[in-house]
């Protein structure tokens, strides 16, 4: 979990300085989540992580469409939901 905290801190720094969240960081957090959940709970943990990511993505998509939140925020919330 310390790695997740470091990655989220990097996301905060990029977001405040550039007002954008780099897709590379989001992909890195996603890959770390996949590996972490598989290592921690096996295939069941991996599928739970992917389902949680998809559910949060589907729930927040309407907010993105009405421009209430940005695309980077939706992606970030989605990949961190599984932890």
N, C-alpha and C. Protein backbone atom coordinates (compact mmCIF):
# COMPACT_ATOMS: atom_id res chain seq x y z
N UNK A 1 0.81 -1.19 0.00
CA UNK A 1 0.00 0.00 0.00
C UNK A 1 0.85 1.26 0.00
N UNK A 2 2.07 1.14 0.45
CA UNK A 2 2.96 2.31 0.44
C UNK A 2 3.23 2.75 -1.00
N UNK A 3 3.31 1.79 -1.91
CA UNK A 3 3.53 2.13 -3.32
C UNK A 3 2.33 2.91 -3.86
N UNK A 4 1.14 2.50 -3.48
CA UNK A 4 -0.06 3.21 -3.91
C UNK A 4 -0.04 4.64 -3.39
N UNK A 5 0.35 4.84 -2.14
CA UNK A 5 0.44 6.19 -1.58
C UNK A 5 1.45 7.05 -2.33
N UNK A 6 2.57 6.47 -2.69
CA UNK A 6 3.58 7.21 -3.45
C UNK A 6 3.06 7.58 -4.84
N UNK A 7 2.38 6.63 -5.49
CA UNK A 7 1.85 6.91 -6.82
C UNK A 7 0.75 7.97 -6.77
N UNK A 8 -0.11 7.90 -5.75
CA UNK A 8 -1.16 8.91 -5.62
C UNK A 8 -0.57 10.29 -5.29
N UNK A 9 0.52 10.30 -4.54
CA UNK A 9 1.20 11.58 -4.28
C UNK A 9 1.75 12.16 -5.58
N UNK A 10 2.30 11.31 -6.42
CA UNK A 10 2.80 11.77 -7.72
C UNK A 10 1.66 12.31 -8.58
N UNK A 11 0.51 11.65 -8.52
CA UNK A 11 -0.66 12.12 -9.26
C UNK A 11 -1.07 13.50 -8.76
N UNK A 12 -1.07 13.70 -7.45
CA UNK A 12 -1.42 15.01 -6.89
C UNK A 12 -0.46 16.09 -7.37
N UNK A 13 0.81 15.79 -7.37
CA UNK A 13 1.80 16.77 -7.82
C UNK A 13 1.58 17.15 -9.28
N UNK A 14 1.37 16.16 -10.13
CA UNK A 14 1.13 16.44 -11.54
C UNK A 14 -0.17 17.20 -11.73
N UNK A 15 -1.21 16.83 -10.99
CA UNK A 15 -2.51 17.48 -11.14
C UNK A 15 -2.44 18.95 -10.72
N UNK A 16 -1.76 19.23 -9.64
CA UNK A 16 -1.65 20.61 -9.19
C UNK A 16 -0.74 21.45 -10.08
N UNK A 17 0.32 20.86 -10.60
CA UNK A 17 1.25 21.65 -11.40
C UNK A 17 0.80 21.80 -12.86
N UNK A 18 0.19 20.77 -13.42
CA UNK A 18 -0.18 20.80 -14.84
C UNK A 18 -1.69 20.80 -15.08
N UNK A 19 -2.48 20.67 -14.02
CA UNK A 19 -3.94 20.50 -14.11
C UNK A 19 -4.34 19.33 -15.01
N UNK A 20 -3.47 18.34 -15.07
CA UNK A 20 -3.74 17.11 -15.83
C UNK A 20 -3.17 15.94 -15.07
N UNK A 21 -3.79 14.78 -15.22
CA UNK A 21 -3.28 13.55 -14.65
C UNK A 21 -2.73 12.72 -15.81
N UNK A 22 -1.43 12.44 -15.81
CA UNK A 22 -0.85 11.68 -16.92
C UNK A 22 -1.41 10.25 -17.00
N UNK A 23 -1.73 9.83 -18.20
CA UNK A 23 -2.24 8.47 -18.40
C UNK A 23 -1.22 7.42 -17.99
N UNK A 24 0.06 7.74 -18.11
CA UNK A 24 1.11 6.77 -17.71
C UNK A 24 0.99 6.44 -16.23
N UNK A 25 0.70 7.43 -15.41
CA UNK A 25 0.55 7.16 -13.98
C UNK A 25 -0.70 6.34 -13.70
N UNK A 26 -1.76 6.60 -14.41
CA UNK A 26 -2.99 5.83 -14.22
C UNK A 26 -2.78 4.38 -14.63
N UNK A 27 -2.09 4.17 -15.73
CA UNK A 27 -1.79 2.80 -16.17
C UNK A 27 -0.88 2.11 -15.16
N UNK A 28 0.09 2.84 -14.62
CA UNK A 28 0.98 2.26 -13.62
C UNK A 28 0.21 1.87 -12.36
N UNK A 29 -0.71 2.72 -11.91
CA UNK A 29 -1.53 2.38 -10.74
C UNK A 29 -2.41 1.17 -11.04
N UNK A 30 -2.96 1.11 -12.25
CA UNK A 30 -3.79 -0.03 -12.64
C UNK A 30 -2.98 -1.33 -12.64
N UNK A 31 -1.80 -1.29 -13.24
CA UNK A 31 -0.96 -2.50 -13.29
C UNK A 31 -0.52 -2.93 -11.90
N UNK A 32 -0.19 -1.95 -11.05
CA UNK A 32 0.17 -2.28 -9.68
C UNK A 32 -1.03 -2.91 -8.96
N UNK A 33 -2.22 -2.39 -9.19
CA UNK A 33 -3.42 -2.95 -8.58
C UNK A 33 -3.69 -4.38 -9.02
N UNK A 34 -3.50 -4.64 -10.31
CA UNK A 34 -3.69 -5.99 -10.83
C UNK A 34 -2.70 -6.96 -10.17
N UNK A 35 -1.44 -6.57 -10.14
CA UNK A 35 -0.42 -7.44 -9.55
C UNK A 35 -0.65 -7.61 -8.05
N UNK A 36 -0.96 -6.51 -7.37
CA UNK A 36 -1.16 -6.55 -5.92
C UNK A 36 -2.33 -7.44 -5.54
N UNK A 37 -3.46 -7.26 -6.23
CA UNK A 37 -4.64 -8.06 -5.88
C UNK A 37 -4.46 -9.54 -6.25
N UNK A 38 -3.76 -9.81 -7.34
CA UNK A 38 -3.50 -11.20 -7.70
C UNK A 38 -2.55 -11.84 -6.69
N UNK A 39 -1.53 -11.11 -6.28
CA UNK A 39 -0.58 -11.62 -5.29
C UNK A 39 -1.25 -11.80 -3.93
N UNK A 40 -2.14 -10.90 -3.57
CA UNK A 40 -2.77 -10.92 -2.26
C UNK A 40 -3.89 -11.96 -2.16
N UNK A 41 -4.71 -12.07 -3.19
CA UNK A 41 -5.90 -12.92 -3.08
C UNK A 41 -6.09 -13.88 -4.25
N UNK A 42 -5.14 -13.97 -5.14
CA UNK A 42 -5.24 -14.90 -6.26
C UNK A 42 -6.20 -14.42 -7.33
N UNK A 43 -6.74 -15.36 -8.07
CA UNK A 43 -7.63 -15.04 -9.18
C UNK A 43 -8.91 -14.37 -8.74
N UNK A 44 -9.42 -14.73 -7.57
CA UNK A 44 -10.63 -14.10 -7.06
C UNK A 44 -10.41 -12.63 -6.75
N UNK A 45 -9.25 -12.31 -6.19
CA UNK A 45 -8.93 -10.92 -5.91
C UNK A 45 -8.76 -10.11 -7.18
N UNK A 46 -8.16 -10.72 -8.18
CA UNK A 46 -7.98 -10.05 -9.46
C UNK A 46 -9.33 -9.75 -10.11
N UNK A 47 -10.22 -10.73 -10.12
CA UNK A 47 -11.53 -10.49 -10.72
C UNK A 47 -12.33 -9.45 -9.92
N UNK A 48 -12.21 -9.47 -8.60
CA UNK A 48 -12.89 -8.47 -7.79
C UNK A 48 -12.35 -7.07 -8.09
N UNK A 49 -11.05 -6.96 -8.27
CA UNK A 49 -10.44 -5.67 -8.61
C UNK A 49 -10.97 -5.15 -9.94
N UNK A 50 -11.00 -6.01 -10.93
CA UNK A 50 -11.46 -5.60 -12.26
C UNK A 50 -12.94 -5.23 -12.25
N UNK A 51 -13.74 -5.97 -11.49
CA UNK A 51 -15.18 -5.67 -11.38
C UNK A 51 -15.38 -4.33 -10.68
N UNK A 52 -14.62 -4.07 -9.61
CA UNK A 52 -14.73 -2.79 -8.91
C UNK A 52 -14.33 -1.63 -9.83
N UNK A 53 -13.28 -1.82 -10.60
CA UNK A 53 -12.86 -0.78 -11.55
C UNK A 53 -13.97 -0.48 -12.54
N UNK A 54 -14.55 -1.52 -13.08
CA UNK A 54 -15.60 -1.35 -14.08
C UNK A 54 -16.85 -0.70 -13.49
N UNK A 55 -17.24 -1.11 -12.28
CA UNK A 55 -18.42 -0.53 -11.65
C UNK A 55 -18.25 0.96 -11.39
N UNK A 56 -17.11 1.35 -10.86
CA UNK A 56 -16.87 2.77 -10.59
C UNK A 56 -16.83 3.54 -11.90
N UNK A 57 -16.23 2.97 -12.92
CA UNK A 57 -16.19 3.62 -14.23
C UNK A 57 -17.59 3.84 -14.77
N UNK A 58 -18.45 2.83 -14.66
CA UNK A 58 -19.82 2.96 -15.16
C UNK A 58 -20.65 3.94 -14.33
N UNK A 59 -20.41 4.00 -13.04
CA UNK A 59 -21.15 4.93 -12.18
C UNK A 59 -20.74 6.37 -12.45
N UNK A 60 -19.45 6.61 -12.67
CA UNK A 60 -18.97 7.98 -12.84
C UNK A 60 -19.04 8.47 -14.29
N UNK A 61 -19.29 7.60 -15.23
CA UNK A 61 -19.33 8.02 -16.63
C UNK A 61 -20.39 9.11 -16.90
N UNK A 62 -21.60 8.99 -16.34
CA UNK A 62 -22.57 10.07 -16.57
C UNK A 62 -22.09 11.43 -16.04
N UNK A 63 -21.34 11.43 -14.94
CA UNK A 63 -20.80 12.69 -14.43
C UNK A 63 -19.76 13.27 -15.39
N UNK A 64 -19.02 12.40 -16.03
CA UNK A 64 -18.07 12.86 -17.04
C UNK A 64 -18.81 13.45 -18.24
N UNK A 65 -19.87 12.82 -18.66
CA UNK A 65 -20.62 13.29 -19.83
C UNK A 65 -21.24 14.66 -19.60
N UNK A 66 -21.64 14.98 -18.38
CA UNK A 66 -22.19 16.31 -18.12
C UNK A 66 -21.11 17.29 -17.66
N UNK A 67 -19.86 16.86 -17.76
CA UNK A 67 -18.68 17.66 -17.43
C UNK A 67 -18.62 18.08 -15.96
N UNK A 68 -19.11 17.21 -15.08
CA UNK A 68 -19.02 17.48 -13.65
C UNK A 68 -17.65 17.07 -13.11
N UNK A 69 -17.05 16.04 -13.71
CA UNK A 69 -15.70 15.61 -13.35
C UNK A 69 -14.93 15.37 -14.65
N UNK A 70 -13.61 15.41 -14.54
CA UNK A 70 -12.77 15.20 -15.72
C UNK A 70 -12.52 13.73 -15.98
N UNK A 71 -12.02 13.45 -17.16
CA UNK A 71 -11.74 12.08 -17.56
C UNK A 71 -10.63 11.47 -16.69
N UNK A 72 -9.62 12.26 -16.38
CA UNK A 72 -8.53 11.76 -15.54
C UNK A 72 -9.02 11.39 -14.15
N UNK A 73 -9.94 12.18 -13.62
CA UNK A 73 -10.50 11.87 -12.30
C UNK A 73 -11.29 10.57 -12.33
N UNK A 74 -12.09 10.38 -13.36
CA UNK A 74 -12.87 9.15 -13.48
C UNK A 74 -11.95 7.94 -13.58
N UNK A 75 -10.90 8.05 -14.39
CA UNK A 75 -9.96 6.94 -14.53
C UNK A 75 -9.23 6.67 -13.22
N UNK A 76 -8.83 7.74 -12.53
CA UNK A 76 -8.11 7.58 -11.27
C UNK A 76 -8.99 6.93 -10.21
N UNK A 77 -10.23 7.41 -10.06
CA UNK A 77 -11.15 6.80 -9.10
C UNK A 77 -11.40 5.34 -9.44
N UNK A 78 -11.49 5.05 -10.72
CA UNK A 78 -11.75 3.68 -11.15
C UNK A 78 -10.61 2.74 -10.78
N UNK A 79 -9.38 3.13 -11.06
CA UNK A 79 -8.26 2.21 -10.79
C UNK A 79 -7.94 2.11 -9.30
N UNK A 80 -8.31 3.11 -8.51
CA UNK A 80 -8.04 3.01 -7.06
C UNK A 80 -9.19 2.35 -6.31
N UNK A 81 -10.31 2.13 -6.95
CA UNK A 81 -11.47 1.55 -6.26
C UNK A 81 -11.23 0.11 -5.81
N UNK A 82 -10.41 -0.60 -6.52
CA UNK A 82 -10.20 -2.00 -6.20
C UNK A 82 -9.30 -2.28 -5.01
N UNK A 83 -8.60 -1.28 -4.55
CA UNK A 83 -7.69 -1.51 -3.43
C UNK A 83 -8.46 -1.68 -2.15
